Amino acid sequence: MEQDEPWQKIESFLRNYERAYAPMRWFHHWGGLTRERQGYFVFLRFVFLVGLYVTAFYVPLYTWSKMSLSFIAIYLIGDMFMLPTSYAFGGILPMQPLRAMILVFFNYISIGMAFGLLYITLCRSSFNIAPDLIDLAFFSFTTMTAMGLGDITPARHTLLVRFLVVSEVLIGLYFWAVLVGMIISWTVREVRGETSLPK
């Protein structure tokens, strides 16, 4: 039993985070208009990230604004990382698996935008070309899918952008592994009759 204790604490933390501390829960209390509508939050968070991404690219950034935008991006990446993790390892079974998969995939796209925001705020001049708005988004998504076409690459002397690239690749691969694992797990449980998932 003692060997399982650390993992149980992690699972408990994941459940508590989703139920009490995730930004989605705060969002649900805004006028009651979005209560129990997780899809609204995921969509609006994506729109918010796109807005920040475009704004950060075209508006001159000062040190404090770069730090603020970077903090927001990192915080949202962490939050989006928690959703599939809590589904996969926290024992949370959604009532509508297809909807949950769509939300997880939408989080995946949002993470690409969040990393694009980090590339703008922290290392915009650290590439082999002078990237425009589309270039950085393209670089972010090809990096996250581990495709990496090589037309846009980090400069050799920039450790920060390399760290971000490696982090994005790892998170992207993790998301795909979790997506596949979730599908298999829910399918097996439904076939065995272990859950009451809707037919």
N, C-alpha and C. Protein backbone atom coordinates (compact mmCIF):
# COMPACT_ATOMS: atom_id res chain seq x y z
N MET A 1 0.82 -1.20 0.00
CA MET A 1 0.00 0.00 0.00
C MET A 1 0.86 1.26 0.00
N GLU A 2 1.96 1.23 0.77
CA GLU A 2 2.79 2.41 0.87
C GLU A 2 3.44 2.76 -0.46
N GLN A 3 3.69 1.72 -1.28
CA GLN A 3 4.29 1.97 -2.59
C GLN A 3 3.35 2.74 -3.49
N ASP A 4 2.06 2.53 -3.34
CA ASP A 4 1.07 3.21 -4.18
C ASP A 4 0.75 4.61 -3.69
N GLU A 5 1.18 4.94 -2.48
CA GLU A 5 0.79 6.21 -1.88
C GLU A 5 1.18 7.44 -2.70
N PRO A 6 2.42 7.55 -3.21
CA PRO A 6 2.76 8.74 -4.01
C PRO A 6 1.88 8.90 -5.24
N TRP A 7 1.56 7.79 -5.91
CA TRP A 7 0.73 7.86 -7.11
C TRP A 7 -0.69 8.25 -6.75
N GLN A 8 -1.17 7.78 -5.61
CA GLN A 8 -2.50 8.16 -5.17
C GLN A 8 -2.56 9.65 -4.87
N LYS A 9 -1.48 10.20 -4.32
CA LYS A 9 -1.43 11.63 -4.05
C LYS A 9 -1.46 12.43 -5.35
N ILE A 10 -0.75 11.93 -6.37
CA ILE A 10 -0.75 12.61 -7.66
C ILE A 10 -2.15 12.58 -8.27
N GLU A 11 -2.80 11.43 -8.21
CA GLU A 11 -4.15 11.31 -8.74
C GLU A 11 -5.11 12.23 -7.99
N SER A 12 -4.95 12.30 -6.68
CA SER A 12 -5.78 13.18 -5.87
C SER A 12 -5.55 14.64 -6.23
N PHE A 13 -4.28 14.99 -6.46
CA PHE A 13 -3.96 16.36 -6.87
C PHE A 13 -4.61 16.70 -8.19
N LEU A 14 -4.54 15.76 -9.15
CA LEU A 14 -5.15 16.00 -10.46
C LEU A 14 -6.65 16.22 -10.35
N ARG A 15 -7.30 15.38 -9.55
CA ARG A 15 -8.76 15.53 -9.37
C ARG A 15 -9.09 16.86 -8.70
N ASN A 16 -8.35 17.21 -7.66
CA ASN A 16 -8.60 18.46 -6.96
C ASN A 16 -8.34 19.67 -7.84
N TYR A 17 -7.29 19.59 -8.66
CA TYR A 17 -6.99 20.70 -9.56
C TYR A 17 -8.14 20.94 -10.53
N GLU A 18 -8.61 19.87 -11.16
CA GLU A 18 -9.69 20.03 -12.13
C GLU A 18 -10.98 20.51 -11.48
N ARG A 19 -11.24 20.08 -10.26
CA ARG A 19 -12.51 20.42 -9.61
C ARG A 19 -12.49 21.78 -8.93
N ALA A 20 -11.31 22.25 -8.51
CA ALA A 20 -11.29 23.46 -7.68
C ALA A 20 -10.40 24.57 -8.19
N TYR A 21 -9.31 24.25 -8.89
CA TYR A 21 -8.31 25.28 -9.17
C TYR A 21 -8.13 25.61 -10.64
N ALA A 22 -8.64 24.80 -11.53
CA ALA A 22 -8.45 25.06 -12.96
C ALA A 22 -9.16 26.35 -13.36
N PRO A 23 -8.59 27.12 -14.29
CA PRO A 23 -9.25 28.35 -14.75
C PRO A 23 -10.66 28.10 -15.28
N MET A 24 -10.90 26.91 -15.79
CA MET A 24 -12.23 26.58 -16.28
C MET A 24 -13.27 26.71 -15.17
N ARG A 25 -12.90 26.36 -13.95
CA ARG A 25 -13.84 26.47 -12.82
C ARG A 25 -14.14 27.93 -12.52
N TRP A 26 -13.12 28.78 -12.60
CA TRP A 26 -13.37 30.21 -12.39
C TRP A 26 -14.29 30.72 -13.48
N PHE A 27 -14.06 30.28 -14.69
CA PHE A 27 -14.85 30.70 -15.84
C PHE A 27 -16.32 30.35 -15.65
N HIS A 28 -16.59 29.22 -15.03
CA HIS A 28 -17.97 28.78 -14.83
C HIS A 28 -18.74 29.71 -13.90
N HIS A 29 -18.05 30.46 -13.07
CA HIS A 29 -18.73 31.31 -12.10
C HIS A 29 -19.02 32.70 -12.64
N TRP A 30 -18.57 33.00 -13.86
CA TRP A 30 -18.79 34.33 -14.43
C TRP A 30 -20.21 34.47 -14.93
N GLY A 31 -21.10 34.86 -14.04
CA GLY A 31 -22.49 35.09 -14.42
C GLY A 31 -23.30 33.83 -14.61
N GLY A 32 -22.69 32.68 -14.40
CA GLY A 32 -23.42 31.43 -14.56
C GLY A 32 -23.74 31.08 -16.00
N LEU A 33 -23.27 31.87 -16.96
CA LEU A 33 -23.62 31.65 -18.35
C LEU A 33 -22.92 30.43 -18.95
N THR A 34 -21.81 30.07 -18.38
CA THR A 34 -21.03 28.98 -18.96
C THR A 34 -20.93 27.77 -18.03
N ARG A 35 -21.78 27.71 -17.04
CA ARG A 35 -21.70 26.62 -16.07
C ARG A 35 -21.87 25.27 -16.76
N GLU A 36 -20.94 24.36 -16.45
CA GLU A 36 -20.95 23.01 -16.99
C GLU A 36 -20.85 22.98 -18.51
N ARG A 37 -20.25 24.02 -19.09
CA ARG A 37 -20.05 24.04 -20.54
C ARG A 37 -18.57 24.20 -20.82
N GLN A 38 -17.87 23.13 -20.66
CA GLN A 38 -16.42 23.13 -20.78
C GLN A 38 -15.98 23.52 -22.19
N GLY A 39 -16.77 23.14 -23.19
CA GLY A 39 -16.43 23.45 -24.57
C GLY A 39 -16.32 24.95 -24.81
N TYR A 40 -17.19 25.76 -24.17
CA TYR A 40 -17.12 27.21 -24.31
C TYR A 40 -15.78 27.73 -23.82
N PHE A 41 -15.36 27.24 -22.67
CA PHE A 41 -14.10 27.69 -22.10
C PHE A 41 -12.93 27.34 -23.01
N VAL A 42 -12.90 26.10 -23.52
CA VAL A 42 -11.81 25.66 -24.37
C VAL A 42 -11.76 26.50 -25.64
N PHE A 43 -12.92 26.78 -26.22
CA PHE A 43 -12.96 27.60 -27.44
C PHE A 43 -12.51 29.03 -27.17
N LEU A 44 -13.02 29.63 -26.09
CA LEU A 44 -12.65 31.01 -25.77
C LEU A 44 -11.18 31.12 -25.37
N ARG A 45 -10.65 30.10 -24.73
CA ARG A 45 -9.23 30.13 -24.40
C ARG A 45 -8.39 30.12 -25.68
N PHE A 46 -8.82 29.34 -26.67
CA PHE A 46 -8.12 29.32 -27.95
C PHE A 46 -8.17 30.69 -28.62
N VAL A 47 -9.36 31.31 -28.64
CA VAL A 47 -9.51 32.64 -29.22
C VAL A 47 -8.63 33.64 -28.48
N PHE A 48 -8.60 33.53 -27.15
CA PHE A 48 -7.77 34.39 -26.32
C PHE A 48 -6.29 34.25 -26.69
N LEU A 49 -5.84 33.01 -26.87
CA LEU A 49 -4.44 32.77 -27.23
C LEU A 49 -4.11 33.32 -28.62
N VAL A 50 -5.03 33.15 -29.56
CA VAL A 50 -4.80 33.69 -30.90
C VAL A 50 -4.71 35.21 -30.83
N GLY A 51 -5.60 35.83 -30.02
CA GLY A 51 -5.55 37.29 -29.85
C GLY A 51 -4.23 37.75 -29.25
N LEU A 52 -3.76 37.04 -28.22
CA LEU A 52 -2.47 37.39 -27.62
C LEU A 52 -1.33 37.20 -28.61
N TYR A 53 -1.40 36.14 -29.39
CA TYR A 53 -0.35 35.83 -30.36
C TYR A 53 -0.24 36.96 -31.39
N VAL A 54 -1.36 37.36 -31.97
CA VAL A 54 -1.35 38.42 -32.98
C VAL A 54 -0.91 39.75 -32.37
N THR A 55 -1.45 40.05 -31.18
CA THR A 55 -1.10 41.30 -30.51
C THR A 55 0.40 41.35 -30.20
N ALA A 56 0.94 40.26 -29.66
CA ALA A 56 2.36 40.23 -29.30
C ALA A 56 3.25 40.41 -30.52
N PHE A 57 2.78 39.94 -31.67
CA PHE A 57 3.62 40.05 -32.87
C PHE A 57 3.67 41.49 -33.39
N TYR A 58 2.53 42.17 -33.35
CA TYR A 58 2.46 43.49 -33.98
C TYR A 58 2.67 44.66 -33.04
N VAL A 59 2.51 44.45 -31.74
CA VAL A 59 2.66 45.54 -30.77
C VAL A 59 4.06 45.50 -30.19
N PRO A 60 4.75 46.64 -30.12
CA PRO A 60 6.08 46.65 -29.49
C PRO A 60 6.01 46.15 -28.05
N LEU A 61 6.91 45.25 -27.70
CA LEU A 61 6.90 44.64 -26.37
C LEU A 61 8.04 45.17 -25.52
N TYR A 62 7.71 45.48 -24.26
CA TYR A 62 8.71 45.87 -23.29
C TYR A 62 9.01 44.68 -22.39
N THR A 63 9.99 44.80 -21.56
CA THR A 63 10.39 43.66 -20.72
C THR A 63 9.23 43.17 -19.86
N TRP A 64 8.50 44.08 -19.24
CA TRP A 64 7.40 43.66 -18.36
C TRP A 64 6.28 42.99 -19.15
N SER A 65 6.00 43.48 -20.37
CA SER A 65 4.94 42.87 -21.16
C SER A 65 5.38 41.50 -21.70
N LYS A 66 6.67 41.36 -22.04
CA LYS A 66 7.17 40.06 -22.46
C LYS A 66 7.06 39.04 -21.34
N MET A 67 7.43 39.47 -20.13
CA MET A 67 7.35 38.57 -18.99
C MET A 67 5.90 38.19 -18.67
N SER A 68 5.00 39.15 -18.75
CA SER A 68 3.59 38.89 -18.47
C SER A 68 3.00 37.92 -19.48
N LEU A 69 3.25 38.16 -20.77
CA LEU A 69 2.72 37.27 -21.80
C LEU A 69 3.34 35.88 -21.71
N SER A 70 4.61 35.82 -21.38
CA SER A 70 5.27 34.52 -21.23
C SER A 70 4.69 33.75 -20.07
N PHE A 71 4.43 34.44 -18.95
CA PHE A 71 3.83 33.78 -17.79
C PHE A 71 2.45 33.25 -18.14
N ILE A 72 1.64 34.04 -18.84
CA ILE A 72 0.31 33.59 -19.24
C ILE A 72 0.40 32.35 -20.13
N ALA A 73 1.32 32.38 -21.09
CA ALA A 73 1.47 31.24 -22.00
C ALA A 73 1.89 29.98 -21.24
N ILE A 74 2.88 30.12 -20.34
CA ILE A 74 3.35 28.96 -19.58
C ILE A 74 2.26 28.42 -18.66
N TYR A 75 1.51 29.33 -18.03
CA TYR A 75 0.43 28.90 -17.14
C TYR A 75 -0.64 28.13 -17.92
N LEU A 76 -1.01 28.65 -19.10
CA LEU A 76 -2.04 27.99 -19.89
C LEU A 76 -1.54 26.66 -20.46
N ILE A 77 -0.26 26.58 -20.80
CA ILE A 77 0.29 25.30 -21.25
C ILE A 77 0.18 24.27 -20.12
N GLY A 78 0.52 24.68 -18.91
CA GLY A 78 0.39 23.78 -17.76
C GLY A 78 -1.03 23.34 -17.54
N ASP A 79 -1.97 24.29 -17.66
CA ASP A 79 -3.38 23.96 -17.46
C ASP A 79 -3.87 23.00 -18.54
N MET A 80 -3.48 23.25 -19.78
CA MET A 80 -3.91 22.37 -20.87
C MET A 80 -3.26 21.00 -20.78
N PHE A 81 -2.08 20.94 -20.17
CA PHE A 81 -1.40 19.68 -19.95
C PHE A 81 -2.15 18.84 -18.91
N MET A 82 -2.83 19.51 -17.98
CA MET A 82 -3.51 18.82 -16.89
C MET A 82 -4.76 18.07 -17.35
N LEU A 83 -5.48 18.60 -18.36
CA LEU A 83 -6.75 17.99 -18.76
C LEU A 83 -6.59 16.56 -19.24
N PRO A 84 -5.76 16.28 -20.25
CA PRO A 84 -5.62 14.88 -20.66
C PRO A 84 -4.96 14.02 -19.59
N THR A 85 -4.09 14.62 -18.79
CA THR A 85 -3.44 13.86 -17.73
C THR A 85 -4.45 13.39 -16.69
N SER A 86 -5.39 14.27 -16.33
CA SER A 86 -6.39 13.89 -15.34
C SER A 86 -7.36 12.87 -15.92
N TYR A 87 -7.67 12.98 -17.20
CA TYR A 87 -8.51 11.97 -17.85
C TYR A 87 -7.80 10.61 -17.87
N ALA A 88 -6.53 10.64 -18.24
CA ALA A 88 -5.80 9.39 -18.46
C ALA A 88 -5.36 8.72 -17.16
N PHE A 89 -4.93 9.52 -16.17
CA PHE A 89 -4.32 8.93 -14.98
C PHE A 89 -5.04 9.27 -13.68
N GLY A 90 -5.96 10.21 -13.72
CA GLY A 90 -6.62 10.62 -12.50
C GLY A 90 -7.90 9.90 -12.20
N GLY A 91 -8.24 8.93 -13.02
CA GLY A 91 -9.46 8.17 -12.78
C GLY A 91 -10.72 8.91 -13.15
N ILE A 92 -10.62 9.98 -13.94
CA ILE A 92 -11.80 10.74 -14.34
C ILE A 92 -12.32 10.19 -15.65
N LEU A 93 -13.55 9.67 -15.63
CA LEU A 93 -14.16 9.14 -16.84
C LEU A 93 -15.25 10.11 -17.31
N PRO A 94 -15.13 10.65 -18.51
CA PRO A 94 -16.13 11.58 -19.00
C PRO A 94 -17.43 10.87 -19.37
N MET A 95 -18.52 11.59 -19.28
CA MET A 95 -19.81 11.04 -19.67
C MET A 95 -19.91 10.91 -21.18
N GLN A 96 -19.22 11.77 -21.90
CA GLN A 96 -19.25 11.74 -23.36
C GLN A 96 -17.82 11.65 -23.89
N PRO A 97 -17.33 10.45 -24.12
CA PRO A 97 -15.93 10.29 -24.52
C PRO A 97 -15.56 11.03 -25.81
N LEU A 98 -16.44 11.03 -26.81
CA LEU A 98 -16.11 11.71 -28.06
C LEU A 98 -15.92 13.20 -27.82
N ARG A 99 -16.79 13.79 -27.02
CA ARG A 99 -16.67 15.21 -26.69
C ARG A 99 -15.36 15.48 -25.95
N ALA A 100 -15.01 14.59 -25.02
CA ALA A 100 -13.76 14.75 -24.27
C ALA A 100 -12.56 14.68 -25.20
N MET A 101 -12.60 13.78 -26.19
CA MET A 101 -11.50 13.67 -27.14
C MET A 101 -11.36 14.94 -27.97
N ILE A 102 -12.50 15.51 -28.37
CA ILE A 102 -12.47 16.75 -29.16
C ILE A 102 -11.86 17.87 -28.33
N LEU A 103 -12.24 17.95 -27.06
CA LEU A 103 -11.69 18.99 -26.19
C LEU A 103 -10.19 18.81 -25.98
N VAL A 104 -9.76 17.58 -25.82
CA VAL A 104 -8.33 17.32 -25.65
C VAL A 104 -7.57 17.72 -26.91
N PHE A 105 -8.14 17.39 -28.08
CA PHE A 105 -7.49 17.75 -29.33
C PHE A 105 -7.45 19.27 -29.50
N PHE A 106 -8.53 19.95 -29.07
CA PHE A 106 -8.55 21.41 -29.14
C PHE A 106 -7.50 22.00 -28.21
N ASN A 107 -7.30 21.37 -27.05
CA ASN A 107 -6.21 21.79 -26.16
C ASN A 107 -4.86 21.64 -26.85
N TYR A 108 -4.72 20.58 -27.62
CA TYR A 108 -3.48 20.32 -28.35
C TYR A 108 -3.18 21.49 -29.30
N ILE A 109 -4.18 21.92 -30.04
CA ILE A 109 -4.00 23.05 -30.96
C ILE A 109 -3.69 24.33 -30.17
N SER A 110 -4.36 24.51 -29.06
CA SER A 110 -4.12 25.70 -28.24
C SER A 110 -2.70 25.73 -27.69
N ILE A 111 -2.16 24.57 -27.37
CA ILE A 111 -0.77 24.52 -26.89
C ILE A 111 0.18 24.99 -27.98
N GLY A 112 -0.11 24.64 -29.24
CA GLY A 112 0.70 25.13 -30.35
C GLY A 112 0.70 26.65 -30.42
N MET A 113 -0.47 27.26 -30.20
CA MET A 113 -0.56 28.72 -30.19
C MET A 113 0.20 29.31 -29.00
N ALA A 114 0.11 28.64 -27.85
CA ALA A 114 0.79 29.14 -26.65
C ALA A 114 2.31 29.11 -26.84
N PHE A 115 2.81 28.04 -27.45
CA PHE A 115 4.25 28.00 -27.73
C PHE A 115 4.64 29.04 -28.77
N GLY A 116 3.75 29.27 -29.74
CA GLY A 116 4.02 30.33 -30.71
C GLY A 116 4.15 31.67 -30.01
N LEU A 117 3.32 31.90 -29.01
CA LEU A 117 3.40 33.13 -28.22
C LEU A 117 4.74 33.22 -27.50
N LEU A 118 5.21 32.10 -26.97
CA LEU A 118 6.52 32.09 -26.30
C LEU A 118 7.65 32.38 -27.28
N TYR A 119 7.54 31.85 -28.49
CA TYR A 119 8.58 32.13 -29.49
C TYR A 119 8.62 33.62 -29.82
N ILE A 120 7.45 34.26 -29.84
CA ILE A 120 7.41 35.70 -30.13
C ILE A 120 8.01 36.50 -28.98
N THR A 121 7.60 36.18 -27.76
CA THR A 121 7.99 37.01 -26.62
C THR A 121 9.42 36.76 -26.16
N LEU A 122 9.91 35.54 -26.29
CA LEU A 122 11.21 35.20 -25.70
C LEU A 122 12.35 35.04 -26.72
N CYS A 123 12.03 34.66 -27.93
CA CYS A 123 13.13 34.36 -28.86
C CYS A 123 12.75 34.62 -30.31
N ARG A 124 12.14 35.74 -30.55
CA ARG A 124 11.70 36.08 -31.91
C ARG A 124 12.88 36.24 -32.88
N SER A 125 13.99 36.69 -32.39
CA SER A 125 15.15 36.93 -33.27
C SER A 125 16.15 35.78 -33.23
N SER A 126 15.71 34.62 -32.78
CA SER A 126 16.63 33.50 -32.58
C SER A 126 16.48 32.42 -33.65
N PHE A 127 16.07 32.81 -34.84
CA PHE A 127 15.88 31.84 -35.91
C PHE A 127 16.77 32.16 -37.10
N ASN A 128 16.88 31.23 -38.03
CA ASN A 128 17.73 31.41 -39.20
C ASN A 128 17.14 32.40 -40.21
N ILE A 129 15.86 32.76 -40.03
CA ILE A 129 15.22 33.76 -40.88
C ILE A 129 14.55 34.79 -39.97
N ALA A 130 14.08 35.87 -40.57
CA ALA A 130 13.26 36.83 -39.81
C ALA A 130 11.81 36.40 -39.97
N PRO A 131 11.28 35.63 -39.02
CA PRO A 131 9.96 35.02 -39.20
C PRO A 131 8.83 36.04 -39.11
N ASP A 132 7.79 35.82 -39.92
CA ASP A 132 6.59 36.64 -39.80
C ASP A 132 5.57 35.90 -38.94
N LEU A 133 4.37 36.43 -38.89
CA LEU A 133 3.32 35.88 -38.02
C LEU A 133 3.03 34.42 -38.37
N ILE A 134 2.90 34.13 -39.66
CA ILE A 134 2.58 32.77 -40.10
C ILE A 134 3.76 31.84 -39.87
N ASP A 135 4.96 32.34 -40.10
CA ASP A 135 6.16 31.50 -39.94
C ASP A 135 6.27 30.92 -38.54
N LEU A 136 6.03 31.77 -37.52
CA LEU A 136 6.18 31.29 -36.14
C LEU A 136 5.10 30.28 -35.77
N ALA A 137 3.86 30.52 -36.25
CA ALA A 137 2.80 29.54 -36.00
C ALA A 137 3.12 28.23 -36.71
N PHE A 138 3.58 28.33 -37.95
CA PHE A 138 3.96 27.15 -38.72
C PHE A 138 5.09 26.39 -38.02
N PHE A 139 6.09 27.12 -37.54
CA PHE A 139 7.21 26.48 -36.84
C PHE A 139 6.72 25.78 -35.58
N SER A 140 5.81 26.43 -34.85
CA SER A 140 5.31 25.85 -33.61
C SER A 140 4.57 24.54 -33.86
N PHE A 141 3.68 24.53 -34.85
CA PHE A 141 2.89 23.32 -35.09
C PHE A 141 3.71 22.20 -35.71
N THR A 142 4.64 22.53 -36.60
CA THR A 142 5.49 21.46 -37.14
C THR A 142 6.43 20.91 -36.07
N THR A 143 6.83 21.76 -35.13
CA THR A 143 7.65 21.28 -34.01
C THR A 143 6.84 20.37 -33.10
N MET A 144 5.62 20.78 -32.77
CA MET A 144 4.80 20.00 -31.84
C MET A 144 4.45 18.63 -32.41
N THR A 145 4.30 18.53 -33.72
CA THR A 145 4.00 17.24 -34.33
C THR A 145 5.26 16.43 -34.60
N ALA A 146 6.42 16.98 -34.22
CA ALA A 146 7.72 16.32 -34.42
C ALA A 146 8.03 16.14 -35.90
N MET A 147 7.40 16.93 -36.76
CA MET A 147 7.66 16.83 -38.19
C MET A 147 8.91 17.61 -38.56
N GLY A 148 9.03 18.85 -38.08
CA GLY A 148 10.23 19.64 -38.25
C GLY A 148 10.78 19.66 -39.66
N LEU A 149 10.21 20.45 -40.54
CA LEU A 149 10.62 20.44 -41.94
C LEU A 149 12.01 20.99 -42.16
N GLY A 150 12.51 21.83 -41.25
CA GLY A 150 13.88 22.32 -41.35
C GLY A 150 14.05 23.62 -42.10
N ASP A 151 12.95 24.18 -42.63
CA ASP A 151 13.08 25.46 -43.32
C ASP A 151 13.24 26.61 -42.35
N ILE A 152 12.72 26.46 -41.13
CA ILE A 152 12.90 27.44 -40.06
C ILE A 152 13.58 26.70 -38.91
N THR A 153 14.75 27.16 -38.53
CA THR A 153 15.50 26.48 -37.47
C THR A 153 16.03 27.47 -36.46
N PRO A 154 16.20 27.05 -35.21
CA PRO A 154 16.81 27.93 -34.20
C PRO A 154 18.27 28.19 -34.52
N ALA A 155 18.73 29.38 -34.17
CA ALA A 155 20.15 29.68 -34.33
C ALA A 155 20.96 28.82 -33.36
N ARG A 156 22.20 28.58 -33.70
CA ARG A 156 23.03 27.67 -32.91
C ARG A 156 23.30 28.16 -31.50
N HIS A 157 23.35 29.47 -31.30
CA HIS A 157 23.77 30.00 -30.00
C HIS A 157 22.62 30.22 -29.03
N THR A 158 21.40 29.86 -29.41
CA THR A 158 20.24 30.19 -28.57
C THR A 158 19.77 28.96 -27.80
N LEU A 159 20.11 28.91 -26.53
CA LEU A 159 19.72 27.78 -25.69
C LEU A 159 18.24 27.83 -25.34
N LEU A 160 17.68 29.03 -25.13
CA LEU A 160 16.29 29.14 -24.72
C LEU A 160 15.35 28.59 -25.78
N VAL A 161 15.56 28.97 -27.03
CA VAL A 161 14.66 28.49 -28.08
C VAL A 161 14.81 26.98 -28.26
N ARG A 162 16.01 26.46 -28.07
CA ARG A 162 16.20 25.02 -28.16
C ARG A 162 15.45 24.30 -27.04
N PHE A 163 15.49 24.88 -25.85
CA PHE A 163 14.76 24.30 -24.72
C PHE A 163 13.26 24.30 -25.01
N LEU A 164 12.75 25.40 -25.56
CA LEU A 164 11.32 25.48 -25.89
C LEU A 164 10.95 24.46 -26.96
N VAL A 165 11.82 24.30 -27.95
CA VAL A 165 11.55 23.34 -29.03
C VAL A 165 11.46 21.92 -28.46
N VAL A 166 12.44 21.55 -27.64
CA VAL A 166 12.43 20.21 -27.05
C VAL A 166 11.20 20.02 -26.17
N SER A 167 10.86 21.03 -25.38
CA SER A 167 9.68 20.94 -24.52
C SER A 167 8.41 20.75 -25.35
N GLU A 168 8.31 21.50 -26.44
CA GLU A 168 7.11 21.39 -27.27
C GLU A 168 7.01 20.02 -27.94
N VAL A 169 8.12 19.50 -28.41
CA VAL A 169 8.11 18.16 -29.02
C VAL A 169 7.66 17.12 -28.00
N LEU A 170 8.21 17.18 -26.78
CA LEU A 170 7.85 16.20 -25.75
C LEU A 170 6.38 16.30 -25.38
N ILE A 171 5.87 17.52 -25.23
CA ILE A 171 4.46 17.70 -24.89
C ILE A 171 3.57 17.23 -26.03
N GLY A 172 3.98 17.52 -27.27
CA GLY A 172 3.20 17.06 -28.42
C GLY A 172 3.12 15.55 -28.50
N LEU A 173 4.25 14.87 -28.30
CA LEU A 173 4.26 13.41 -28.32
C LEU A 173 3.45 12.84 -27.16
N TYR A 174 3.56 13.49 -26.01
CA TYR A 174 2.79 13.04 -24.84
C TYR A 174 1.29 13.11 -25.12
N PHE A 175 0.86 14.21 -25.75
CA PHE A 175 -0.56 14.36 -26.06
C PHE A 175 -1.06 13.26 -26.97
N TRP A 176 -0.29 12.94 -28.02
CA TRP A 176 -0.72 11.87 -28.93
C TRP A 176 -0.76 10.53 -28.22
N ALA A 177 0.22 10.27 -27.36
CA ALA A 177 0.21 9.01 -26.60
C ALA A 177 -1.00 8.93 -25.70
N VAL A 178 -1.34 10.05 -25.04
CA VAL A 178 -2.50 10.07 -24.16
C VAL A 178 -3.79 9.90 -24.95
N LEU A 179 -3.90 10.55 -26.10
CA LEU A 179 -5.10 10.41 -26.92
C LEU A 179 -5.34 8.96 -27.31
N VAL A 180 -4.30 8.31 -27.79
CA VAL A 180 -4.43 6.91 -28.19
C VAL A 180 -4.74 6.03 -26.98
N GLY A 181 -4.05 6.28 -25.88
CA GLY A 181 -4.30 5.50 -24.67
C GLY A 181 -5.70 5.67 -24.14
N MET A 182 -6.22 6.91 -24.19
CA MET A 182 -7.58 7.16 -23.72
C MET A 182 -8.60 6.42 -24.57
N ILE A 183 -8.42 6.45 -25.87
CA ILE A 183 -9.37 5.76 -26.76
C ILE A 183 -9.38 4.26 -26.47
N ILE A 184 -8.20 3.68 -26.37
CA ILE A 184 -8.11 2.24 -26.11
C ILE A 184 -8.70 1.89 -24.75
N SER A 185 -8.37 2.70 -23.73
CA SER A 185 -8.85 2.43 -22.37
C SER A 185 -10.37 2.49 -22.29
N TRP A 186 -10.96 3.56 -22.85
CA TRP A 186 -12.41 3.69 -22.79
C TRP A 186 -13.11 2.59 -23.57
N THR A 187 -12.53 2.21 -24.70
CA THR A 187 -13.13 1.15 -25.52
C THR A 187 -13.11 -0.17 -24.78
N VAL A 188 -11.97 -0.49 -24.18
CA VAL A 188 -11.85 -1.76 -23.45
C VAL A 188 -12.81 -1.78 -22.26
N ARG A 189 -12.90 -0.67 -21.53
CA ARG A 189 -13.79 -0.64 -20.36
C ARG A 189 -15.25 -0.76 -20.76
N GLU A 190 -15.60 -0.15 -21.88
CA GLU A 190 -16.99 -0.23 -22.32
C GLU A 190 -17.33 -1.64 -22.77
N VAL A 191 -16.40 -2.28 -23.46
CA VAL A 191 -16.63 -3.65 -23.91
C VAL A 191 -16.78 -4.59 -22.72
N ARG A 192 -15.98 -4.35 -21.68
CA ARG A 192 -16.05 -5.20 -20.47
C ARG A 192 -17.22 -4.85 -19.58
N GLY A 193 -17.90 -3.75 -19.88
CA GLY A 193 -19.03 -3.34 -19.05
C GLY A 193 -18.62 -2.74 -17.75
N GLU A 194 -17.39 -2.18 -17.67
CA GLU A 194 -16.90 -1.62 -16.42
C GLU A 194 -17.38 -0.20 -16.20
N THR A 195 -17.91 0.43 -17.20
CA THR A 195 -18.40 1.80 -17.04
C THR A 195 -19.81 1.89 -17.59
N SER A 196 -20.43 3.00 -17.30
CA SER A 196 -21.79 3.24 -17.81
C SER A 196 -21.76 4.28 -18.91
N LEU A 197 -20.74 4.20 -19.77
CA LEU A 197 -20.65 5.16 -20.84
C LEU A 197 -21.83 5.01 -21.77
N PRO A 198 -22.34 6.11 -22.33
CA PRO A 198 -23.51 6.04 -23.20
C PRO A 198 -23.22 5.23 -24.45
N LYS A 199 -24.20 4.46 -24.85
CA LYS A 199 -24.04 3.62 -26.05
C LYS A 199 -24.26 4.45 -27.29
